[in-house]
Amino acid sequence: MTYRHRNSGTCSTLVQFDIESGKLHNVTFTGGCNGNLKGISALLEGMDAAEAARKLKGLKCGFKSTSCPDQLSRAIEEALGSEKVSEQL
């Protein structure tokens, strides 16, 4: 399933990704530091989504209170939460 998250407080405005069998795939950011975010996306391909969220959560960019990776961790947590709700229905 494809998830989209509007980022807040970062140069990137959107992160989009798929979660299949608990693994991250096709992570893409709109805006932000293109090369760095492509590198992060490549490293995350096939990684356990919950593990990725734990590793990225709380990272800050300069003096900002968040970062693109932190926003992705929030999006993953939301997606995993919505998957658990769907499984219970």
N, C-alpha and C. Protein backbone atom coordinates (compact mmCIF):
# COMPACT_ATOMS: atom_id res chain seq x y z
N MET A 1 0.84 -1.18 0.00
CA MET A 1 0.00 0.00 0.00
C MET A 1 0.89 1.24 0.00
N THR A 2 0.50 2.24 -0.75
CA THR A 2 1.26 3.49 -0.84
C THR A 2 0.73 4.50 0.18
N TYR A 3 1.67 5.12 0.88
CA TYR A 3 1.33 6.13 1.88
C TYR A 3 1.95 7.45 1.48
N ARG A 4 1.26 8.55 1.79
CA ARG A 4 1.75 9.91 1.52
C ARG A 4 1.64 10.71 2.81
N HIS A 5 2.66 11.52 3.07
CA HIS A 5 2.68 12.33 4.29
C HIS A 5 3.16 13.73 3.93
N ARG A 6 2.36 14.71 4.28
CA ARG A 6 2.76 16.12 4.10
C ARG A 6 3.71 16.49 5.23
N ASN A 7 4.93 16.81 4.87
CA ASN A 7 5.94 17.16 5.87
C ASN A 7 5.70 18.54 6.44
N SER A 8 6.13 18.74 7.67
CA SER A 8 5.98 20.01 8.35
C SER A 8 7.32 20.39 8.96
N GLY A 9 7.77 21.62 8.70
CA GLY A 9 9.01 22.10 9.30
C GLY A 9 10.28 21.68 8.58
N THR A 10 10.14 21.18 7.35
CA THR A 10 11.31 20.74 6.58
C THR A 10 11.28 21.36 5.19
N CYS A 11 12.41 21.27 4.51
CA CYS A 11 12.48 21.76 3.13
C CYS A 11 11.67 20.87 2.19
N SER A 12 11.65 19.57 2.47
CA SER A 12 10.81 18.69 1.65
C SER A 12 9.37 18.86 2.09
N THR A 13 8.46 18.79 1.14
CA THR A 13 7.05 19.03 1.44
C THR A 13 6.24 17.75 1.55
N LEU A 14 6.77 16.66 1.02
CA LEU A 14 6.00 15.42 0.97
C LEU A 14 6.95 14.23 0.97
N VAL A 15 6.55 13.15 1.65
CA VAL A 15 7.27 11.88 1.54
C VAL A 15 6.22 10.83 1.18
N GLN A 16 6.62 9.95 0.29
CA GLN A 16 5.73 8.90 -0.20
C GLN A 16 6.48 7.58 -0.13
N PHE A 17 5.79 6.50 0.24
CA PHE A 17 6.46 5.20 0.36
C PHE A 17 5.41 4.10 0.34
N ASP A 18 5.90 2.88 0.13
CA ASP A 18 5.06 1.69 0.20
C ASP A 18 5.53 0.86 1.37
N ILE A 19 4.58 0.16 1.99
CA ILE A 19 4.91 -0.86 2.97
C ILE A 19 4.28 -2.15 2.48
N GLU A 20 5.14 -3.14 2.26
CA GLU A 20 4.69 -4.46 1.82
C GLU A 20 5.30 -5.50 2.75
N SER A 21 4.46 -6.29 3.39
CA SER A 21 4.92 -7.32 4.33
C SER A 21 5.84 -6.72 5.40
N GLY A 22 5.52 -5.51 5.86
CA GLY A 22 6.29 -4.86 6.92
C GLY A 22 7.58 -4.21 6.47
N LYS A 23 7.87 -4.24 5.17
CA LYS A 23 9.12 -3.68 4.63
C LYS A 23 8.86 -2.40 3.83
N LEU A 24 9.79 -1.46 3.91
CA LEU A 24 9.69 -0.20 3.16
C LEU A 24 10.16 -0.38 1.72
N HIS A 25 9.44 0.26 0.81
CA HIS A 25 9.81 0.26 -0.60
C HIS A 25 9.44 1.61 -1.21
N ASN A 26 10.18 1.99 -2.24
CA ASN A 26 9.86 3.16 -3.07
C ASN A 26 9.71 4.46 -2.27
N VAL A 27 10.63 4.71 -1.33
CA VAL A 27 10.59 5.95 -0.56
C VAL A 27 11.03 7.10 -1.47
N THR A 28 10.19 8.12 -1.58
CA THR A 28 10.54 9.30 -2.38
C THR A 28 10.12 10.56 -1.62
N PHE A 29 10.95 11.58 -1.71
CA PHE A 29 10.67 12.87 -1.10
C PHE A 29 10.44 13.89 -2.21
N THR A 30 9.57 14.85 -1.96
CA THR A 30 9.36 15.98 -2.86
C THR A 30 10.04 17.18 -2.22
N GLY A 31 11.00 17.76 -2.92
CA GLY A 31 11.76 18.89 -2.38
C GLY A 31 12.87 18.40 -1.47
N GLY A 32 13.52 19.31 -0.80
CA GLY A 32 14.59 18.96 0.13
C GLY A 32 15.92 18.78 -0.57
N CYS A 33 16.87 18.21 0.12
CA CYS A 33 18.23 17.98 -0.40
C CYS A 33 18.24 16.72 -1.26
N ASN A 34 18.12 16.89 -2.53
CA ASN A 34 17.89 15.81 -3.48
C ASN A 34 18.83 14.62 -3.31
N GLY A 35 20.11 14.86 -3.33
CA GLY A 35 21.08 13.77 -3.25
C GLY A 35 21.01 13.03 -1.92
N ASN A 36 20.94 13.78 -0.83
CA ASN A 36 20.86 13.15 0.49
C ASN A 36 19.59 12.31 0.63
N LEU A 37 18.48 12.84 0.17
CA LEU A 37 17.23 12.11 0.32
C LEU A 37 17.16 10.90 -0.59
N LYS A 38 17.79 10.97 -1.76
CA LYS A 38 17.88 9.78 -2.62
C LYS A 38 18.74 8.71 -1.94
N GLY A 39 19.80 9.15 -1.27
CA GLY A 39 20.66 8.21 -0.54
C GLY A 39 19.91 7.54 0.59
N ILE A 40 19.17 8.31 1.37
CA ILE A 40 18.37 7.74 2.46
C ILE A 40 17.37 6.74 1.89
N SER A 41 16.71 7.12 0.81
CA SER A 41 15.72 6.25 0.19
C SER A 41 16.34 4.92 -0.24
N ALA A 42 17.53 4.98 -0.83
CA ALA A 42 18.21 3.76 -1.28
C ALA A 42 18.58 2.88 -0.09
N LEU A 43 19.05 3.48 0.99
CA LEU A 43 19.43 2.70 2.17
C LEU A 43 18.23 2.05 2.85
N LEU A 44 17.07 2.68 2.74
CA LEU A 44 15.87 2.17 3.40
C LEU A 44 15.15 1.09 2.59
N GLU A 45 15.47 0.95 1.32
CA GLU A 45 14.77 -0.01 0.46
C GLU A 45 14.84 -1.42 1.05
N GLY A 46 13.67 -1.98 1.33
CA GLY A 46 13.58 -3.33 1.87
C GLY A 46 13.78 -3.45 3.37
N MET A 47 14.03 -2.33 4.05
CA MET A 47 14.25 -2.37 5.50
C MET A 47 12.92 -2.54 6.23
N ASP A 48 12.97 -3.20 7.38
CA ASP A 48 11.80 -3.32 8.22
C ASP A 48 11.30 -1.91 8.58
N ALA A 49 10.02 -1.65 8.33
CA ALA A 49 9.47 -0.31 8.51
C ALA A 49 9.57 0.16 9.96
N ALA A 50 9.25 -0.70 10.91
CA ALA A 50 9.30 -0.30 12.32
C ALA A 50 10.74 0.02 12.74
N GLU A 51 11.69 -0.76 12.26
CA GLU A 51 13.10 -0.51 12.58
C GLU A 51 13.55 0.83 12.00
N ALA A 52 13.16 1.11 10.76
CA ALA A 52 13.51 2.38 10.13
C ALA A 52 12.95 3.54 10.93
N ALA A 53 11.70 3.44 11.36
CA ALA A 53 11.08 4.51 12.14
C ALA A 53 11.85 4.75 13.44
N ARG A 54 12.26 3.68 14.10
CA ARG A 54 13.03 3.82 15.35
C ARG A 54 14.36 4.52 15.11
N LYS A 55 15.03 4.17 14.02
CA LYS A 55 16.35 4.75 13.74
C LYS A 55 16.27 6.22 13.33
N LEU A 56 15.19 6.61 12.66
CA LEU A 56 15.08 7.97 12.13
C LEU A 56 14.40 8.95 13.09
N LYS A 57 13.65 8.43 14.04
CA LYS A 57 12.86 9.27 14.94
C LYS A 57 13.75 10.20 15.75
N GLY A 58 13.36 11.47 15.77
CA GLY A 58 14.04 12.46 16.60
C GLY A 58 15.23 13.14 15.96
N LEU A 59 15.63 12.72 14.76
CA LEU A 59 16.76 13.39 14.10
C LEU A 59 16.37 14.82 13.75
N LYS A 60 17.31 15.73 13.95
CA LYS A 60 17.04 17.15 13.68
C LYS A 60 17.94 17.65 12.56
N CYS A 61 17.48 18.67 11.87
CA CYS A 61 18.24 19.30 10.79
C CYS A 61 18.64 20.70 11.26
N GLY A 62 19.91 20.87 11.55
CA GLY A 62 20.38 22.18 12.02
C GLY A 62 19.64 22.61 13.27
N PHE A 63 19.06 23.81 13.23
CA PHE A 63 18.34 24.35 14.38
C PHE A 63 16.86 24.02 14.35
N LYS A 64 16.43 23.29 13.34
CA LYS A 64 15.01 22.92 13.25
C LYS A 64 14.69 21.84 14.28
N SER A 65 13.44 21.76 14.65
CA SER A 65 13.03 20.76 15.65
C SER A 65 12.74 19.40 15.02
N THR A 66 12.89 19.29 13.70
CA THR A 66 12.62 18.05 12.98
C THR A 66 13.56 17.97 11.79
N SER A 67 13.39 16.94 10.97
CA SER A 67 14.18 16.77 9.75
C SER A 67 13.37 15.92 8.80
N CYS A 68 13.84 15.78 7.58
CA CYS A 68 13.15 14.92 6.61
C CYS A 68 13.09 13.47 7.11
N PRO A 69 14.21 12.92 7.64
CA PRO A 69 14.12 11.56 8.19
C PRO A 69 13.15 11.46 9.37
N ASP A 70 13.12 12.46 10.23
CA ASP A 70 12.18 12.46 11.35
C ASP A 70 10.74 12.49 10.84
N GLN A 71 10.48 13.29 9.83
CA GLN A 71 9.14 13.34 9.25
C GLN A 71 8.76 11.98 8.66
N LEU A 72 9.72 11.32 8.03
CA LEU A 72 9.47 9.98 7.50
C LEU A 72 9.15 9.02 8.64
N SER A 73 9.86 9.11 9.75
CA SER A 73 9.58 8.21 10.88
C SER A 73 8.16 8.41 11.39
N ARG A 74 7.71 9.65 11.44
CA ARG A 74 6.33 9.93 11.87
C ARG A 74 5.33 9.34 10.89
N ALA A 75 5.63 9.48 9.61
CA ALA A 75 4.74 8.94 8.58
C ALA A 75 4.66 7.41 8.66
N ILE A 76 5.81 6.77 8.90
CA ILE A 76 5.84 5.31 9.02
C ILE A 76 5.02 4.88 10.23
N GLU A 77 5.20 5.56 11.35
CA GLU A 77 4.44 5.22 12.55
C GLU A 77 2.93 5.36 12.30
N GLU A 78 2.53 6.43 11.61
CA GLU A 78 1.11 6.61 11.27
C GLU A 78 0.63 5.47 10.38
N ALA A 79 1.43 5.12 9.38
CA ALA A 79 1.05 4.06 8.45
C ALA A 79 0.94 2.72 9.17
N LEU A 80 1.89 2.42 10.03
CA LEU A 80 1.84 1.15 10.76
C LEU A 80 0.65 1.13 11.71
N GLY A 81 0.34 2.27 12.29
CA GLY A 81 -0.83 2.36 13.16
C GLY A 81 -2.12 2.14 12.39
N SER A 82 -2.20 2.70 11.19
CA SER A 82 -3.41 2.51 10.38
C SER A 82 -3.52 1.08 9.89
N GLU A 83 -2.38 0.41 9.65
CA GLU A 83 -2.41 -1.00 9.24
C GLU A 83 -2.93 -1.87 10.38
N LYS A 84 -2.53 -1.57 11.62
CA LYS A 84 -3.00 -2.35 12.76
C LYS A 84 -4.51 -2.19 12.92
N VAL A 85 -5.02 -0.97 12.72
CA VAL A 85 -6.45 -0.73 12.83
C VAL A 85 -7.18 -1.51 11.74
N SER A 86 -6.64 -1.49 10.52
CA SER A 86 -7.27 -2.22 9.41
C SER A 86 -7.31 -3.72 9.68
N GLU A 87 -6.26 -4.25 10.29
CA GLU A 87 -6.21 -5.68 10.58
C GLU A 87 -7.25 -6.07 11.64
N GLN A 88 -7.57 -5.14 12.53
CA GLN A 88 -8.52 -5.43 13.60
C GLN A 88 -9.96 -5.38 13.12
N LEU A 89 -10.21 -4.72 11.99
CA LEU A 89 -11.59 -4.58 11.48
C LEU A 89 -12.07 -5.87 10.84
